[in-house]
Amino acid sequence: MLRKGSIFLVTMPARTGDHTQQGRRYAVVVTATSFIGSVVTVAPTSASARASLTRPEAEIEGRKCRILIEQMLAVDVSKLTNWIGVLDDGEMEALDDALRLYHGLI
């Protein structure tokens, strides 16, 4: 099910010499459901990232992690094949708050 808050297991592109997430990890769709087309924006997760107002916490498959809003990237929906689940209502609210804060909307 593809909608905002959907969680997928993805392989992030390998990069060297920077701090972006890479390799297999969970990613959360952050594109508003009504705007989903052939490409969506996802935010990768990290189990070791420090807490921040723009890094909401989520529990995915029993493991706590942070959604890294600052590392959002566009992904073709055809690459989102390993669906894990959907954020719960509290996690969605925290995600929306973090997105508004990150984009200077509050």
N, C-alpha and C. Protein backbone atom coordinates (compact mmCIF):
# COMPACT_ATOMS: atom_id res chain seq x y z
N MET A 1 0.85 -1.18 0.00
CA MET A 1 0.00 0.00 0.00
C MET A 1 0.89 1.24 0.00
N LEU A 2 0.76 2.05 -1.02
CA LEU A 2 1.60 3.23 -1.15
C LEU A 2 0.84 4.47 -0.74
N ARG A 3 1.25 5.04 0.39
CA ARG A 3 0.68 6.29 0.89
C ARG A 3 1.68 6.94 1.82
N LYS A 4 1.42 8.18 2.19
CA LYS A 4 2.31 8.85 3.13
C LYS A 4 2.36 8.02 4.41
N GLY A 5 3.56 7.80 4.92
CA GLY A 5 3.74 7.00 6.12
C GLY A 5 4.03 5.54 5.85
N SER A 6 3.93 5.12 4.57
CA SER A 6 4.28 3.74 4.23
C SER A 6 5.77 3.51 4.46
N ILE A 7 6.09 2.33 4.95
CA ILE A 7 7.48 1.98 5.25
C ILE A 7 7.93 0.89 4.30
N PHE A 8 9.09 1.08 3.70
CA PHE A 8 9.66 0.11 2.78
C PHE A 8 11.10 -0.19 3.18
N LEU A 9 11.55 -1.39 2.89
CA LEU A 9 12.96 -1.73 3.00
C LEU A 9 13.58 -1.40 1.65
N VAL A 10 14.57 -0.52 1.64
CA VAL A 10 15.18 -0.06 0.39
C VAL A 10 16.69 -0.18 0.48
N THR A 11 17.34 -0.07 -0.66
CA THR A 11 18.79 0.00 -0.70
C THR A 11 19.16 1.42 -1.13
N MET A 12 19.75 2.15 -0.21
CA MET A 12 20.16 3.53 -0.48
C MET A 12 21.45 3.50 -1.30
N PRO A 13 21.61 4.47 -2.20
CA PRO A 13 22.83 4.49 -3.03
C PRO A 13 24.10 4.63 -2.19
N ALA A 14 25.12 3.93 -2.61
CA ALA A 14 26.42 4.01 -1.92
C ALA A 14 27.11 5.31 -2.30
N ARG A 15 27.61 6.00 -1.30
CA ARG A 15 28.36 7.24 -1.51
C ARG A 15 29.58 7.18 -0.60
N THR A 16 30.60 7.84 -1.00
CA THR A 16 31.80 7.83 -0.16
C THR A 16 32.11 9.25 0.29
N GLY A 17 32.62 9.35 1.48
CA GLY A 17 33.10 10.63 1.97
C GLY A 17 32.03 11.58 2.48
N ASP A 18 30.81 11.12 2.70
CA ASP A 18 29.80 12.01 3.27
C ASP A 18 29.02 11.29 4.36
N HIS A 19 28.05 11.96 4.92
CA HIS A 19 27.31 11.42 6.06
C HIS A 19 25.92 10.91 5.70
N THR A 20 25.61 10.77 4.41
CA THR A 20 24.29 10.29 4.01
C THR A 20 24.17 8.80 4.27
N GLN A 21 22.94 8.38 4.51
CA GLN A 21 22.67 6.97 4.77
C GLN A 21 22.87 6.16 3.49
N GLN A 22 23.35 4.95 3.64
CA GLN A 22 23.54 4.08 2.49
C GLN A 22 23.28 2.64 2.87
N GLY A 23 23.13 1.80 1.88
CA GLY A 23 22.87 0.39 2.12
C GLY A 23 21.40 0.11 2.40
N ARG A 24 21.11 -1.13 2.82
CA ARG A 24 19.72 -1.54 3.09
C ARG A 24 19.24 -0.96 4.41
N ARG A 25 18.07 -0.34 4.36
CA ARG A 25 17.48 0.24 5.56
C ARG A 25 16.03 0.55 5.26
N TYR A 26 15.31 0.90 6.32
CA TYR A 26 13.92 1.30 6.14
C TYR A 26 13.87 2.74 5.64
N ALA A 27 12.85 3.03 4.85
CA ALA A 27 12.59 4.39 4.39
C ALA A 27 11.08 4.63 4.49
N VAL A 28 10.71 5.85 4.84
CA VAL A 28 9.32 6.22 5.03
C VAL A 28 8.90 7.19 3.94
N VAL A 29 7.76 6.92 3.29
CA VAL A 29 7.22 7.82 2.28
C VAL A 29 6.75 9.10 2.97
N VAL A 30 7.22 10.26 2.51
CA VAL A 30 6.82 11.53 3.09
C VAL A 30 6.02 12.39 2.11
N THR A 31 5.82 11.91 0.90
CA THR A 31 4.97 12.61 -0.07
C THR A 31 3.52 12.49 0.36
N ALA A 32 2.79 13.60 0.29
CA ALA A 32 1.36 13.57 0.61
C ALA A 32 0.66 12.58 -0.31
N THR A 33 -0.21 11.75 0.25
CA THR A 33 -0.88 10.69 -0.49
C THR A 33 -1.53 11.21 -1.76
N SER A 34 -2.15 12.37 -1.71
CA SER A 34 -2.86 12.91 -2.88
C SER A 34 -1.92 13.33 -4.00
N PHE A 35 -0.61 13.42 -3.74
CA PHE A 35 0.36 13.82 -4.76
C PHE A 35 1.24 12.68 -5.24
N ILE A 36 0.96 11.47 -4.82
CA ILE A 36 1.79 10.34 -5.23
C ILE A 36 1.60 10.05 -6.70
N GLY A 37 2.71 9.99 -7.41
CA GLY A 37 2.71 9.66 -8.82
C GLY A 37 3.74 8.59 -9.08
N SER A 38 4.54 8.74 -10.14
CA SER A 38 5.54 7.73 -10.46
C SER A 38 6.80 7.88 -9.62
N VAL A 39 6.94 9.04 -8.94
CA VAL A 39 8.09 9.29 -8.08
C VAL A 39 7.56 9.83 -6.76
N VAL A 40 8.13 9.35 -5.65
CA VAL A 40 7.76 9.84 -4.33
C VAL A 40 9.02 10.25 -3.57
N THR A 41 8.82 11.01 -2.52
CA THR A 41 9.93 11.39 -1.66
C THR A 41 9.91 10.48 -0.44
N VAL A 42 11.07 9.94 -0.10
CA VAL A 42 11.20 9.10 1.08
C VAL A 42 12.27 9.67 1.99
N ALA A 43 12.18 9.32 3.27
CA ALA A 43 13.21 9.69 4.25
C ALA A 43 13.77 8.39 4.82
N PRO A 44 15.07 8.22 4.76
CA PRO A 44 15.68 7.01 5.33
C PRO A 44 15.62 7.04 6.85
N THR A 45 15.87 5.91 7.46
CA THR A 45 15.87 5.80 8.91
C THR A 45 17.25 5.39 9.41
N SER A 46 17.45 5.60 10.70
CA SER A 46 18.70 5.19 11.35
C SER A 46 18.39 4.79 12.78
N ALA A 47 18.96 3.68 13.21
CA ALA A 47 18.78 3.23 14.59
C ALA A 47 19.76 3.92 15.53
N SER A 48 20.78 4.59 14.99
CA SER A 48 21.81 5.19 15.84
C SER A 48 21.84 6.72 15.77
N ALA A 49 20.97 7.33 14.98
CA ALA A 49 20.97 8.80 14.87
C ALA A 49 20.55 9.45 16.17
N ARG A 50 21.15 10.60 16.47
CA ARG A 50 20.79 11.35 17.67
C ARG A 50 19.39 11.92 17.55
N ALA A 51 18.76 12.11 18.69
CA ALA A 51 17.42 12.71 18.73
C ALA A 51 17.48 14.16 18.27
N SER A 52 16.40 14.58 17.61
CA SER A 52 16.27 15.95 17.13
C SER A 52 14.79 16.20 16.87
N LEU A 53 14.38 17.45 16.93
CA LEU A 53 12.98 17.78 16.63
C LEU A 53 12.61 17.44 15.19
N THR A 54 13.61 17.38 14.31
CA THR A 54 13.35 17.05 12.91
C THR A 54 13.70 15.59 12.58
N ARG A 55 13.83 14.78 13.62
CA ARG A 55 14.08 13.34 13.44
C ARG A 55 13.09 12.56 14.30
N PRO A 56 11.85 12.45 13.84
CA PRO A 56 10.85 11.75 14.65
C PRO A 56 11.20 10.27 14.83
N GLU A 57 10.79 9.76 15.97
CA GLU A 57 11.05 8.35 16.27
C GLU A 57 9.92 7.48 15.76
N ALA A 58 10.26 6.29 15.31
CA ALA A 58 9.27 5.30 14.89
C ALA A 58 9.74 3.92 15.35
N GLU A 59 8.80 3.04 15.53
CA GLU A 59 9.15 1.65 15.83
C GLU A 59 8.77 0.82 14.61
N ILE A 60 9.78 0.20 14.01
CA ILE A 60 9.58 -0.57 12.78
C ILE A 60 10.06 -1.99 13.04
N GLU A 61 9.15 -2.93 12.89
CA GLU A 61 9.43 -4.34 13.15
C GLU A 61 10.08 -4.53 14.52
N GLY A 62 9.56 -3.82 15.52
CA GLY A 62 10.02 -3.98 16.89
C GLY A 62 11.30 -3.24 17.24
N ARG A 63 11.83 -2.46 16.31
CA ARG A 63 13.08 -1.72 16.56
C ARG A 63 12.83 -0.23 16.47
N LYS A 64 13.31 0.52 17.47
CA LYS A 64 13.17 1.97 17.44
C LYS A 64 14.23 2.57 16.52
N CYS A 65 13.79 3.57 15.76
CA CYS A 65 14.70 4.26 14.85
C CYS A 65 14.26 5.71 14.70
N ARG A 66 15.08 6.50 14.05
CA ARG A 66 14.78 7.90 13.76
C ARG A 66 14.57 8.05 12.26
N ILE A 67 13.56 8.84 11.88
CA ILE A 67 13.31 9.15 10.48
C ILE A 67 14.12 10.40 10.17
N LEU A 68 15.02 10.30 9.21
CA LEU A 68 15.98 11.37 8.93
C LEU A 68 15.43 12.31 7.85
N ILE A 69 14.61 13.26 8.28
CA ILE A 69 13.98 14.20 7.37
C ILE A 69 15.02 14.95 6.53
N GLU A 70 16.16 15.26 7.12
CA GLU A 70 17.17 16.04 6.40
C GLU A 70 17.83 15.28 5.26
N GLN A 71 17.53 13.97 5.14
CA GLN A 71 18.12 13.17 4.07
C GLN A 71 17.07 12.66 3.08
N MET A 72 15.96 13.38 2.98
CA MET A 72 14.90 12.98 2.03
C MET A 72 15.45 12.92 0.61
N LEU A 73 14.91 11.99 -0.18
CA LEU A 73 15.29 11.90 -1.58
C LEU A 73 14.15 11.32 -2.41
N ALA A 74 14.19 11.58 -3.70
CA ALA A 74 13.17 11.09 -4.62
C ALA A 74 13.49 9.66 -5.03
N VAL A 75 12.43 8.83 -5.11
CA VAL A 75 12.58 7.43 -5.50
C VAL A 75 11.46 7.07 -6.47
N ASP A 76 11.80 6.38 -7.53
CA ASP A 76 10.78 5.88 -8.45
C ASP A 76 9.97 4.81 -7.73
N VAL A 77 8.64 4.87 -7.83
CA VAL A 77 7.80 3.93 -7.08
C VAL A 77 8.05 2.48 -7.49
N SER A 78 8.57 2.26 -8.68
CA SER A 78 8.84 0.88 -9.11
C SER A 78 9.94 0.23 -8.26
N LYS A 79 10.72 1.04 -7.56
CA LYS A 79 11.79 0.51 -6.69
C LYS A 79 11.29 0.20 -5.28
N LEU A 80 10.05 0.60 -4.98
CA LEU A 80 9.49 0.35 -3.65
C LEU A 80 8.70 -0.95 -3.68
N THR A 81 9.41 -2.05 -3.56
CA THR A 81 8.77 -3.37 -3.69
C THR A 81 8.67 -4.13 -2.38
N ASN A 82 9.46 -3.74 -1.39
CA ASN A 82 9.50 -4.50 -0.13
C ASN A 82 8.76 -3.72 0.96
N TRP A 83 7.41 -3.78 0.91
CA TRP A 83 6.56 -3.05 1.85
C TRP A 83 6.63 -3.70 3.22
N ILE A 84 6.81 -2.87 4.25
CA ILE A 84 6.93 -3.36 5.63
C ILE A 84 5.68 -3.06 6.44
N GLY A 85 5.12 -1.85 6.26
CA GLY A 85 3.95 -1.45 7.03
C GLY A 85 3.71 0.03 6.90
N VAL A 86 3.01 0.60 7.89
CA VAL A 86 2.65 2.02 7.88
C VAL A 86 2.87 2.57 9.29
N LEU A 87 3.33 3.81 9.38
CA LEU A 87 3.47 4.46 10.68
C LEU A 87 2.12 4.49 11.39
N ASP A 88 2.14 4.41 12.73
CA ASP A 88 0.88 4.52 13.47
C ASP A 88 0.50 6.00 13.59
N ASP A 89 -0.66 6.29 14.14
CA ASP A 89 -1.17 7.66 14.19
C ASP A 89 -0.23 8.61 14.92
N GLY A 90 0.32 8.19 16.05
CA GLY A 90 1.25 9.04 16.80
C GLY A 90 2.53 9.31 16.02
N GLU A 91 3.04 8.29 15.34
CA GLU A 91 4.24 8.46 14.53
C GLU A 91 3.97 9.38 13.34
N MET A 92 2.78 9.27 12.75
CA MET A 92 2.41 10.15 11.63
C MET A 92 2.34 11.60 12.10
N GLU A 93 1.78 11.83 13.27
CA GLU A 93 1.70 13.18 13.82
C GLU A 93 3.09 13.75 14.05
N ALA A 94 3.99 12.94 14.60
CA ALA A 94 5.37 13.38 14.83
C ALA A 94 6.08 13.65 13.50
N LEU A 95 5.82 12.82 12.48
CA LEU A 95 6.40 13.03 11.15
C LEU A 95 5.91 14.36 10.57
N ASP A 96 4.61 14.61 10.64
CA ASP A 96 4.06 15.87 10.11
C ASP A 96 4.64 17.07 10.84
N ASP A 97 4.75 17.00 12.16
CA ASP A 97 5.34 18.09 12.93
C ASP A 97 6.79 18.34 12.49
N ALA A 98 7.55 17.27 12.33
CA ALA A 98 8.96 17.40 11.93
C ALA A 98 9.08 17.99 10.52
N LEU A 99 8.21 17.57 9.61
CA LEU A 99 8.23 18.11 8.25
C LEU A 99 7.91 19.61 8.24
N ARG A 100 6.90 20.00 9.01
CA ARG A 100 6.55 21.43 9.08
C ARG A 100 7.72 22.24 9.66
N LEU A 101 8.34 21.73 10.71
CA LEU A 101 9.47 22.42 11.33
C LEU A 101 10.65 22.51 10.37
N TYR A 102 10.98 21.42 9.74
CA TYR A 102 12.12 21.36 8.82
C TYR A 102 11.97 22.33 7.66
N HIS A 103 10.74 22.47 7.16
CA HIS A 103 10.49 23.34 6.02
C HIS A 103 10.10 24.76 6.43
N GLY A 104 10.20 25.07 7.71
CA GLY A 104 9.96 26.41 8.20
C GLY A 104 8.51 26.84 8.14
N LEU A 105 7.59 25.88 8.27
CA LEU A 105 6.17 26.17 8.17
C LEU A 105 5.52 26.38 9.53
N ILE A 106 6.31 26.26 10.60
CA ILE A 106 5.79 26.58 11.94
C ILE A 106 6.84 27.36 12.70
